Protein backbone atom coordinates (compact mmCIF):
# COMPACT_ATOMS: atom_id res chain seq x y z
CA MET A 1 0.00 0.00 0.00
CA SER A 2 1.33 3.45 -0.89
CA ILE A 3 0.80 6.84 0.71
CA ARG A 4 -2.39 8.55 -0.37
CA PRO A 5 -1.65 10.74 -3.45
CA ASP A 6 -3.43 13.76 -1.90
CA ILE A 7 -0.94 13.97 1.01
CA ASN A 8 1.53 16.68 0.09
CA SER A 9 4.79 17.63 1.76
CA GLN A 10 3.15 20.10 4.18
CA THR A 11 0.60 17.52 5.35
CA LYS A 12 3.38 14.99 5.81
CA LYS A 13 5.27 17.51 7.92
CA THR A 14 2.19 18.12 10.09
CA ILE A 15 1.61 14.40 10.64
CA TYR A 16 5.28 13.95 11.48
CA ASN A 17 5.16 16.81 14.03
CA VAL A 18 2.11 15.24 15.69
CA TYR A 19 3.98 11.94 15.86
CA ASN A 20 7.00 13.64 17.48
CA PHE A 21 4.73 15.41 19.99
CA PHE A 22 3.06 12.15 20.99
CA LYS A 23 6.50 10.54 21.23
CA THR A 24 7.58 13.27 23.65
CA LEU A 25 4.50 12.66 25.81
CA ALA A 26 5.24 8.93 25.81
CA ASN A 27 8.63 9.63 27.39
CA LYS A 28 7.21 11.58 30.37
CA LYS A 29 8.00 9.21 33.25
CA GLU A 30 6.60 11.64 35.83
CA GLN A 31 3.16 11.12 34.25
CA PRO A 32 2.93 7.36 33.82
CA GLU A 33 -0.75 7.36 32.75
CA VAL A 34 -0.09 9.86 29.94
CA ALA A 35 3.10 8.08 28.92
CA ASN A 36 1.32 4.73 28.80
CA PHE A 37 -1.53 6.16 26.65
CA PHE A 38 0.83 7.63 24.04
CA ARG A 39 3.23 4.68 24.00
CA LYS A 40 1.76 3.53 20.69
CA CYS A 41 2.71 6.78 19.00
CA GLN A 42 2.00 5.77 15.43
CA GLU A 43 -1.49 4.40 16.21
CA ARG A 44 -2.40 7.57 18.17
CA THR A 45 -1.06 9.76 15.35
CA ALA A 46 -3.18 7.89 12.79
CA GLU A 47 -6.27 8.40 14.96
CA ALA A 48 -5.54 12.09 15.57
CA CYS A 49 -4.79 12.90 11.91
CA ALA A 50 -7.52 10.67 10.41
CA VAL A 51 -5.11 8.71 8.22
CA SER A 52 -4.20 5.04 8.04
CA LEU A 53 -1.53 3.49 10.19
CA SER A 54 0.47 2.48 7.11
CA THR A 55 0.55 6.14 5.99
CA VAL A 56 2.05 7.22 9.34
CA GLN A 57 4.56 4.35 9.17
CA LYS A 58 5.69 5.34 5.67
CA ILE A 59 6.05 9.00 6.70
CA CYS A 60 8.20 7.98 9.68
CA LYS A 61 10.30 5.76 7.41
CA GLU A 62 10.71 8.60 4.92
CA SER A 63 11.75 10.97 7.73
CA LYS A 64 14.56 8.59 8.78
CA ILE A 65 15.90 8.44 5.21
CA ILE A 66 15.74 12.22 4.80
CA SER A 67 17.22 12.82 8.26
CA PHE A 68 20.16 10.56 7.43
CA ASP A 69 20.80 12.39 4.13
CA VAL A 70 20.60 15.79 5.83
CA LYS A 71 22.94 14.71 8.60
CA GLU A 72 25.44 13.34 6.10
CA LYS A 73 25.43 16.49 3.97
CA LEU A 74 24.92 19.30 6.51
CA GLY A 75 26.09 17.75 9.76
CA VAL A 76 22.94 18.77 11.63
CA GLY A 77 20.57 16.81 13.79
CA SER A 78 18.04 14.52 12.22
CA SER A 79 15.16 16.69 13.44
CA LYS A 80 16.38 19.69 11.46
CA GLY A 81 16.11 20.37 7.75
CA ILE A 82 13.60 17.63 7.00
CA LYS A 83 11.73 18.41 3.76
CA PHE A 84 9.21 15.84 2.72
CA ARG A 85 8.46 15.28 -0.94
CA SER A 86 5.03 15.67 -2.50
CA PRO A 87 4.24 12.55 -4.55
CA ARG A 88 2.65 14.58 -7.36
CA LYS A 89 5.79 16.65 -7.90
CA HIS A 90 7.68 13.57 -9.07
CA TYR A 91 4.73 11.87 -10.71
CA SER A 92 5.34 11.52 -14.43
CA ARG A 93 2.49 10.44 -16.62
CA ASP A 94 3.11 9.08 -20.07
CA LYS A 95 1.91 11.48 -22.74
CA PRO A 96 -0.62 10.09 -25.19
CA ILE A 97 1.05 9.03 -28.44
CA THR A 98 -1.38 10.60 -30.88
CA LYS A 99 0.87 12.63 -33.19
CA LEU A 100 0.76 10.52 -36.34
CA ASP A 101 1.44 11.50 -39.92
CA ASP A 102 -1.08 10.89 -42.71
CA PHE A 103 0.22 7.45 -43.55
CA GLU A 104 0.33 6.31 -39.91
CA SER A 105 -3.22 7.58 -39.36
CA GLU A 106 -4.35 5.70 -42.44
CA GLU A 107 -2.76 2.55 -41.04
CA VAL A 108 -5.01 2.91 -37.98
CA ARG A 109 -8.03 3.27 -40.27
CA ARG A 110 -7.06 0.13 -42.15
CA VAL A 111 -6.66 -1.80 -38.90
CA VAL A 112 -10.21 -0.83 -37.95
CA HIS A 113 -11.50 -1.89 -41.37
CA SER A 114 -9.65 -5.20 -41.12
CA PHE A 115 -11.87 -6.21 -38.20
CA TYR A 116 -14.99 -5.61 -40.28
CA ASP A 117 -13.45 -7.55 -43.16
CA LYS A 118 -13.11 -10.51 -40.79
CA GLY A 119 -16.69 -10.12 -39.55
CA GLU A 120 -15.56 -8.77 -36.16
CA PHE A 121 -16.47 -5.54 -34.42
CA PRO A 122 -13.45 -3.54 -33.22
CA THR A 123 -12.94 -2.07 -29.78
CA SER A 124 -10.12 0.21 -28.72
CA ALA A 125 -8.46 -2.66 -26.83
CA LYS A 126 -8.50 -4.89 -29.93
CA ILE A 127 -7.23 -2.05 -32.12
CA LEU A 128 -4.40 -1.33 -29.67
CA GLU A 129 -3.37 -4.99 -29.66
CA ALA A 130 -3.39 -5.10 -33.47
CA LEU A 131 -1.33 -1.91 -33.75
CA ARG A 132 1.24 -3.22 -31.29
CA GLU A 133 1.61 -6.46 -33.23
CA LYS A 134 1.73 -4.80 -36.63
CA ASN A 135 3.61 -1.54 -36.07
CA ASN A 136 5.10 -1.84 -32.54
CA TYR A 137 2.83 1.01 -31.45
CA GLU A 138 3.81 2.23 -27.97
CA GLY A 139 0.68 4.20 -27.10
CA SER A 140 -2.09 3.30 -24.69
CA LYS A 141 -5.78 2.58 -25.12
CA SER A 142 -6.62 6.21 -24.34
CA SER A 143 -4.20 7.30 -27.08
CA VAL A 144 -5.98 5.02 -29.55
CA LYS A 145 -9.32 6.56 -28.62
CA ILE A 146 -7.99 10.05 -29.30
CA ILE A 147 -6.68 8.95 -32.69
CA LEU A 148 -10.00 7.33 -33.58
CA LYS A 149 -11.86 10.53 -32.78
CA LYS A 150 -9.46 12.47 -34.99
CA LEU A 151 -10.23 10.01 -37.78
CA HIS A 152 -13.97 10.67 -37.21
CA PHE A 153 -14.93 7.29 -35.84
CA LYS A 154 -17.78 7.15 -33.35
CA PHE A 155 -19.53 4.58 -31.21
CA LYS A 156 -23.05 3.85 -32.46
CA ARG A 157 -25.70 1.85 -30.70
CA CYS A 158 -26.82 -1.28 -32.49
CA ASN A 159 -30.06 -3.25 -32.43
CA ASP A 160 -28.82 -5.41 -29.57
CA GLY A 161 -28.11 -2.34 -27.43
CA ARG A 162 -24.33 -2.59 -27.63
CA LYS A 163 -22.10 0.20 -28.98
CA TYR A 164 -19.76 -0.42 -31.90
CA LEU A 165 -17.10 1.67 -33.56
CA ILE A 166 -18.46 3.15 -36.79
CA GLU A 167 -16.81 5.50 -39.26
CA ARG A 168 -18.66 8.71 -40.03
CA SER A 169 -21.17 8.04 -42.80
CA ASP A 170 -20.30 11.03 -45.00
CA ILE A 171 -16.64 9.94 -45.13
CA VAL A 172 -17.66 6.39 -46.01
CA ALA A 173 -19.93 7.71 -48.77
CA ALA A 174 -17.19 9.94 -50.20
CA ARG A 175 -14.72 7.04 -50.19
CA LEU A 176 -17.12 4.70 -51.97
CA LYS A 177 -17.99 7.35 -54.55
CA PHE A 178 -14.30 7.86 -55.34
CA LEU A 179 -13.46 4.14 -55.43
CA ARG A 180 -16.45 3.34 -57.63
CA LYS A 181 -15.47 6.07 -60.09
CA MET A 182 -11.84 4.92 -60.31
CA ASN A 183 -12.93 1.30 -60.69
CA LYS A 184 -15.27 2.28 -63.52
CA LEU A 185 -12.46 4.11 -65.34
CA ARG A 186 -10.21 1.05 -65.15
CA THR A 187 -12.98 -1.40 -66.04
CA ASN A 188 -13.94 0.61 -69.12
CA ASP A 189 -10.28 0.88 -70.19
CA ASP A 190 -10.46 4.66 -70.18
CA THR A 191 -7.31 5.84 -71.96
CA ARG A 192 -7.27 9.32 -70.46
CA PRO A 193 -4.26 9.85 -68.16
CA VAL A 194 -5.05 10.34 -64.47
CA ILE A 195 -3.40 13.48 -63.09
CA TYR A 196 -2.84 13.63 -59.33
CA LEU A 197 -1.99 16.95 -57.68
CA ASP A 198 -1.11 17.99 -54.15
CA GLU A 199 0.93 20.44 -52.08
CA ILE A 200 3.62 19.89 -49.48
CA TRP A 201 5.50 22.19 -47.10
CA VAL A 202 9.25 21.91 -46.55
CA ASN A 203 11.00 23.42 -43.52
CA GLN A 204 14.26 25.32 -43.77
CA ASN A 205 15.75 23.35 -40.84
CA GLN A 206 14.42 20.00 -41.96
CA THR A 207 16.77 17.17 -41.08
CA ARG A 208 16.79 13.63 -39.77
CA GLY A 209 15.21 12.99 -36.38
CA LEU A 210 18.37 11.50 -34.84
CA ILE A 211 22.01 12.26 -35.60
CA TRP A 212 25.25 11.09 -33.96
CA GLN A 213 27.05 13.64 -31.77
CA ASN A 214 29.62 13.46 -29.00
CA GLN A 215 28.61 13.99 -25.40
CA GLU A 216 29.75 17.61 -25.35
CA ASN A 217 27.89 18.41 -28.62
CA THR A 218 31.10 19.87 -30.02
CA GLU A 219 31.05 17.68 -33.10
CA GLY A 220 28.38 16.92 -35.65
CA LEU A 221 25.88 19.09 -37.49
CA LYS A 222 24.66 22.26 -35.83
CA VAL A 223 20.93 22.44 -36.41
CA SER A 224 19.15 25.71 -35.72
CA THR A 225 16.28 25.65 -33.27
CA GLY A 226 12.78 25.84 -34.68
CA LYS A 227 11.63 25.01 -38.18
CA GLY A 228 12.73 28.26 -39.77
CA ASN A 229 11.19 29.54 -42.98
CA ARG A 230 9.28 27.14 -45.16
CA LEU A 231 8.50 26.40 -48.76
CA ILE A 232 5.14 25.39 -50.17
CA VAL A 233 5.62 23.08 -53.15
CA CYS A 234 2.71 22.48 -55.51
CA HIS A 235 2.93 20.04 -58.41
CA ALA A 236 0.97 17.54 -60.49
CA GLY A 237 1.83 14.31 -62.23
CA SER A 238 0.54 11.07 -63.67
CA PRO A 239 1.59 7.41 -63.45
CA SER A 240 1.36 7.47 -67.26
CA PHE A 241 4.18 9.94 -67.91
CA GLY A 242 5.48 11.48 -64.65
CA PHE A 243 5.31 15.13 -63.63
CA VAL A 244 3.37 17.56 -65.80
CA LYS A 245 5.84 19.78 -67.65
CA ASN A 246 6.26 23.35 -66.37
CA ALA A 247 3.73 22.75 -63.58
CA LYS A 248 6.00 23.17 -60.55
CA LEU A 249 5.16 25.97 -58.10
CA ILE A 250 7.31 26.90 -55.08
CA VAL A 251 6.14 29.60 -52.64
CA ARG A 252 8.25 30.92 -49.76
CA CYS A 253 6.67 31.55 -46.35
CA ASN A 254 8.46 33.25 -43.48
CA SER A 255 8.80 31.72 -40.03
CA GLY A 256 6.22 34.11 -38.58
CA SER A 257 3.48 32.51 -40.66
CA THR A 258 1.02 30.11 -39.18
CA LYS A 259 2.02 26.46 -38.97
CA ASP A 260 -0.72 25.37 -41.35
CA TYR A 261 0.53 25.76 -44.91
CA HIS A 262 -3.06 25.64 -46.19
CA SER A 263 -3.55 29.19 -44.93
CA GLN A 264 -0.62 30.37 -47.08
CA MET A 265 -1.97 28.83 -50.28
CA ASN A 266 -5.12 30.80 -51.06
CA ALA A 267 -7.67 30.20 -53.80
CA THR A 268 -6.29 32.97 -56.04
CA ILE A 269 -2.73 31.57 -56.10
CA PHE A 270 -3.94 28.02 -56.57
CA GLU A 271 -6.41 28.86 -59.34
CA LYS A 272 -3.73 30.72 -61.29
CA TRP A 273 -1.36 27.74 -61.00
CA TYR A 274 -4.14 25.25 -61.75
CA LEU A 275 -5.16 26.92 -65.01
CA LYS A 276 -1.52 27.05 -66.11
CA MET A 277 -1.15 23.36 -65.32
CA LEU A 278 -4.26 22.47 -67.35
CA LYS A 279 -2.91 24.36 -70.37
CA ASN A 280 0.24 22.20 -70.22
CA LEU A 281 -1.75 18.97 -70.57
CA GLU A 282 -1.47 17.53 -74.06
CA GLU A 283 -4.71 15.53 -74.03
CA PRO A 284 -8.02 15.28 -72.11
CA SER A 285 -7.29 13.98 -68.62
CA ILE A 286 -8.81 12.94 -65.29
CA ILE A 287 -7.78 15.38 -62.54
CA VAL A 288 -7.74 13.95 -59.00
CA MET A 289 -7.60 16.51 -56.19
CA ASP A 290 -8.56 16.69 -52.54
CA ASN A 291 -11.11 18.96 -50.91
CA ALA A 292 -8.84 21.65 -49.45
CA SER A 293 -10.66 24.96 -49.06
CA TYR A 294 -8.69 26.65 -51.85
CA HIS A 295 -9.56 23.74 -54.16
CA SER A 296 -13.23 24.09 -53.36
CA SER A 297 -14.38 27.64 -54.14
CA LEU A 298 -18.04 27.44 -55.14
CA LEU A 299 -19.12 28.52 -58.59
CA GLU A 300 -21.62 30.86 -57.00
CA ASP A 301 -21.38 32.63 -53.66
CA TYR A 302 -24.18 32.07 -51.20
CA PRO A 303 -24.92 34.04 -48.02
CA LYS A 304 -22.93 32.67 -45.09
CA SER A 305 -24.33 31.90 -41.66
CA ASN A 306 -22.89 35.17 -40.37
CA SER A 307 -24.18 37.31 -43.27
CA ARG A 308 -26.19 40.39 -42.39
CA LYS A 309 -29.93 40.47 -43.02
CA THR A 310 -29.58 43.17 -45.69
CA ASP A 311 -27.06 41.04 -47.61
CA VAL A 312 -29.36 38.02 -47.50
CA GLN A 313 -32.28 40.13 -48.72
CA GLN A 314 -30.19 41.51 -51.58
CA TRP A 315 -29.17 37.98 -52.62
CA LEU A 316 -32.83 36.90 -52.66
CA ARG A 317 -33.76 39.89 -54.81
CA GLU A 318 -31.04 39.03 -57.34
CA LYS A 319 -32.43 35.48 -57.53
CA ASN A 320 -36.02 36.78 -57.92
CA ILE A 321 -37.08 34.93 -54.78
CA ASP A 322 -40.07 36.50 -53.03
CA PHE A 323 -39.76 37.43 -49.38
CA SER A 324 -41.52 39.74 -46.97
CA PRO A 325 -39.74 42.67 -45.28
CA VAL A 326 -41.11 41.45 -41.95
CA GLU A 327 -39.52 38.01 -42.25
CA THR A 328 -36.77 37.31 -39.77
CA LEU A 329 -33.20 36.42 -40.66
CA ASP A 330 -33.82 32.76 -39.85
CA GLU A 331 -36.75 32.67 -42.27
CA LEU A 332 -34.63 34.29 -44.99
CA ARG A 333 -31.84 31.77 -44.41
CA ALA A 334 -34.35 28.95 -44.84
CA LYS A 335 -35.25 30.33 -48.27
CA VAL A 336 -31.57 30.56 -49.20
CA LYS A 337 -31.10 26.93 -48.17
CA LEU A 338 -34.01 25.85 -50.40
CA ALA A 339 -32.52 27.75 -53.34
CA MET A 340 -29.10 26.14 -53.00
CA PRO A 341 -28.37 23.08 -55.21
CA ARG A 342 -28.33 19.67 -53.53
CA GLU A 343 -24.74 19.08 -54.67
CA LYS A 344 -22.00 21.67 -54.47
CA ILE A 345 -20.78 23.04 -57.79
CA TYR A 346 -17.13 24.02 -57.60
CA LYS A 347 -15.58 26.74 -59.72
CA LEU A 348 -12.49 24.70 -60.61
CA ASP A 349 -14.61 21.71 -61.64
CA GLN A 350 -16.51 23.87 -64.11
CA LEU A 351 -13.30 25.40 -65.53
CA THR A 352 -11.80 21.92 -65.87
CA HIS A 353 -14.85 20.64 -67.73
CA GLN A 354 -14.80 23.62 -70.09
CA MET A 355 -11.19 22.79 -70.99
CA GLY A 356 -12.07 19.20 -71.85
CA HIS A 357 -11.01 17.48 -68.63
CA GLU A 358 -12.82 15.84 -65.70
CA VAL A 359 -12.35 16.23 -61.95
CA VAL A 360 -12.56 13.39 -59.43
CA ARG A 361 -12.49 14.38 -55.76
CA LEU A 362 -10.48 12.38 -53.24
CA PRO A 363 -12.38 11.37 -50.09
CA PRO A 364 -11.37 13.31 -46.95
CA TYR A 365 -8.44 11.88 -44.94
CA HIS A 366 -7.47 9.32 -47.61
CA CYS A 367 -4.06 10.44 -48.85
CA GLN A 368 -3.06 6.81 -49.45
CA TYR A 369 -4.99 6.84 -52.73
CA ASN A 370 -2.79 9.64 -54.10
CA PRO A 371 0.60 8.47 -55.48
CA ILE A 372 2.05 12.00 -55.29
CA GLU A 373 2.01 11.58 -51.49
CA LEU A 374 4.58 8.81 -51.93
CA ILE A 375 6.60 11.11 -54.18
CA TRP A 376 6.55 13.73 -51.41
CA ALA A 377 7.60 11.13 -48.83
CA GLN A 378 10.56 10.22 -51.05
CA LEU A 379 11.46 13.90 -51.44
CA ASN A 380 11.25 14.55 -47.69
CA GLY A 381 13.52 11.62 -46.92
CA ARG A 382 16.20 12.68 -49.35
CA LEU A 383 15.98 16.31 -48.28
CA ALA A 384 16.42 15.37 -44.61
CA GLU A 385 19.61 13.50 -45.51
CA GLU A 386 21.13 16.15 -47.78
CA ASN A 387 20.17 19.36 -45.95
CA SER A 388 23.36 20.46 -44.17
CA THR A 389 23.54 24.27 -44.49
CA PHE A 390 19.96 24.97 -43.34
CA LYS A 391 19.73 28.00 -45.59
CA ILE A 392 16.46 28.61 -47.39
CA ASP A 393 18.17 29.18 -50.75
CA ASP A 394 20.01 25.87 -50.46
CA VAL A 395 16.85 24.10 -49.34
CA GLU A 396 14.98 25.41 -52.38
CA ALA A 397 17.81 24.25 -54.64
CA LEU A 398 17.63 20.79 -53.05
CA VAL A 399 13.85 20.68 -53.56
CA ASN A 400 14.26 21.49 -57.26
CA LYS A 401 16.99 18.87 -57.57
CA GLU A 402 14.95 16.13 -55.91
CA ILE A 403 11.82 16.92 -57.94
CA ASP A 404 13.86 16.73 -61.15
CA SER A 405 15.27 13.37 -60.04
CA VAL A 406 11.80 11.79 -59.81
CA THR A 407 11.41 9.59 -62.89
CA ALA A 408 8.42 8.34 -64.84
CA ASN A 409 9.24 4.88 -63.46
CA ASP A 410 8.83 6.22 -59.91
CA TRP A 411 5.42 7.58 -60.84
CA ALA A 412 4.42 4.31 -62.52
CA LYS A 413 5.52 2.26 -59.48
CA TYR A 414 3.67 4.44 -56.98
CA GLY A 415 0.64 4.75 -59.27
CA GLU A 416 0.37 0.97 -59.56
CA ARG A 417 0.58 0.63 -55.78
CA CYS A 418 -2.24 3.16 -55.24
CA ALA A 419 -4.41 1.65 -57.98
CA LYS A 420 -4.06 -1.77 -56.38
CA LEU A 421 -5.03 -0.29 -53.01
CA GLN A 422 -8.07 1.41 -54.55
CA GLU A 423 -9.25 -1.85 -56.13
CA GLU A 424 -8.77 -3.83 -52.91
CA ASP A 425 -10.71 -1.29 -50.88
CA PHE A 426 -13.49 -1.11 -53.45
CA HIS A 427 -14.10 -4.87 -53.45
CA ARG A 428 -13.88 -5.04 -49.67
CA ALA A 429 -16.40 -2.23 -49.30
CA VAL A 430 -19.33 -4.37 -50.47
CA LEU A 431 -18.54 -7.18 -48.05
CA ARG A 432 -17.86 -4.71 -45.25
CA ASP A 433 -21.21 -3.05 -45.89
CA GLU A 434 -23.05 -6.35 -45.41
CA VAL A 435 -21.19 -7.13 -42.19
CA LEU A 436 -21.37 -3.62 -40.79
CA LEU A 437 -24.81 -2.23 -41.57
CA GLU A 438 -27.09 -5.20 -41.01
CA PRO A 439 -27.05 -5.16 -37.18
CA ILE A 440 -26.84 -1.39 -36.84
CA ILE A 441 -29.62 1.16 -36.72
CA SER A 442 -28.55 3.42 -39.58
CA SER A 443 -29.49 7.09 -39.75
CA ILE A 444 -29.36 9.84 -42.32
CA TYR A 445 -27.70 12.18 -39.87
CA PRO A 446 -24.20 11.23 -38.64
CA ASP A 447 -24.80 12.35 -35.05
CA ASP A 448 -27.97 10.31 -34.51
CA ASN A 449 -27.70 7.19 -32.37
CA SER A 450 -24.11 8.06 -31.55
CA SER A 451 -22.62 8.01 -28.13
CA SER A 452 -21.11 11.13 -26.67
CA ASP A 453 -17.38 11.75 -26.79
CA ASP A 454 -17.09 10.64 -23.18
CA ASP A 455 -18.75 7.27 -23.75
CA ASP A 456 -16.52 4.22 -23.74
CA ASP A 457 -16.80 1.06 -25.78
CA GLU A 458 -18.54 -1.52 -23.65
CA ASP A 459 -16.49 -4.49 -24.91
CA ASP A 460 -13.16 -3.20 -23.61
CA GLU A 461 -13.59 -4.68 -20.19
């Protein structure tokens, strides 16, 4: 048994002083009745301080150890200079291991799906065990739960009353829509090249995570603290022929910018680059892009939720939609919602179609279907090995060098890997749907029948 965690150093000191006081009374020979009563000093101290006997015993033991150390170092009596330690001050709790990159997060998603493929329902304990066996994951069950929430998994109640881990329905729908489209293109032997595009940020001080140095840190590379300035690299390519010619874009961002590179790449910059890239395509193509905000500007602007009433009224007038001046803002918003199309129409999708191409949208949080992500991983690895000056000009030169070194064979290899993954996931989706949806009360709205964030999976016990 250990000392109660709420007993701090001051409380320990008080209990120890009470013990010493009772010990003094026990030594009063002129008052035998008092001395006899306080002879069991530790028991009387426990009663007086409302703590257990073992707590008093441990405090007395700790005082002897501290007294000995003080006497050895300072040469004073054991009753002087005693400073008890608070347990919480030296209590170190393992931090949750939840900082995963896109590929590691996707591995967690695939582990969850593997349970459904086997006809089993996953719990956080089962997922943790699988991750430890497969990837030597060192996190805890609570860490896994945090990761699952980031990946938009929730616990839903099934017909039998139990709660099972279910992926958010809109993400599942987007994934199936993408996989079905890509499968159809391959099945129909569509000869149009598939162009994948994406952006990546590169830090000025990017290097390997661990490097050899002597104990005094006098030898080895001197890496500046912080990430330094950064580059945003935007490019497009195809497994059919490699990178699109003259489509590389590199933007410099200073170290004072926000950590999220998406905020540095706005819709205006991206649209200008995107149109230039399309003009460099030699034949009609399939363009695969994700749903980043600057990829997804709507063809027509609609009043936002924070728009003023006068702006909403003006929009309704321009659309020749009748409304009454006495109608409230909520009523006007309802009319705007009815006037909006059921499916979003993106500006870039329309421009792409006008130029003879077609856009296919990647599902959210599924970078593993995009082979350019593997190109970026290859670039990052080489850059971390070769970056030695940590100067932004040299880093940009290295980025250009590594991009130029990517061959059409690299693209073909990574493209084949992603296409195989897409086909496997598509064929598994049908079987998974039969296993997953039959026992579960499905709902149109993702939040219905879901447990709260604080609910635990019942099968983890």
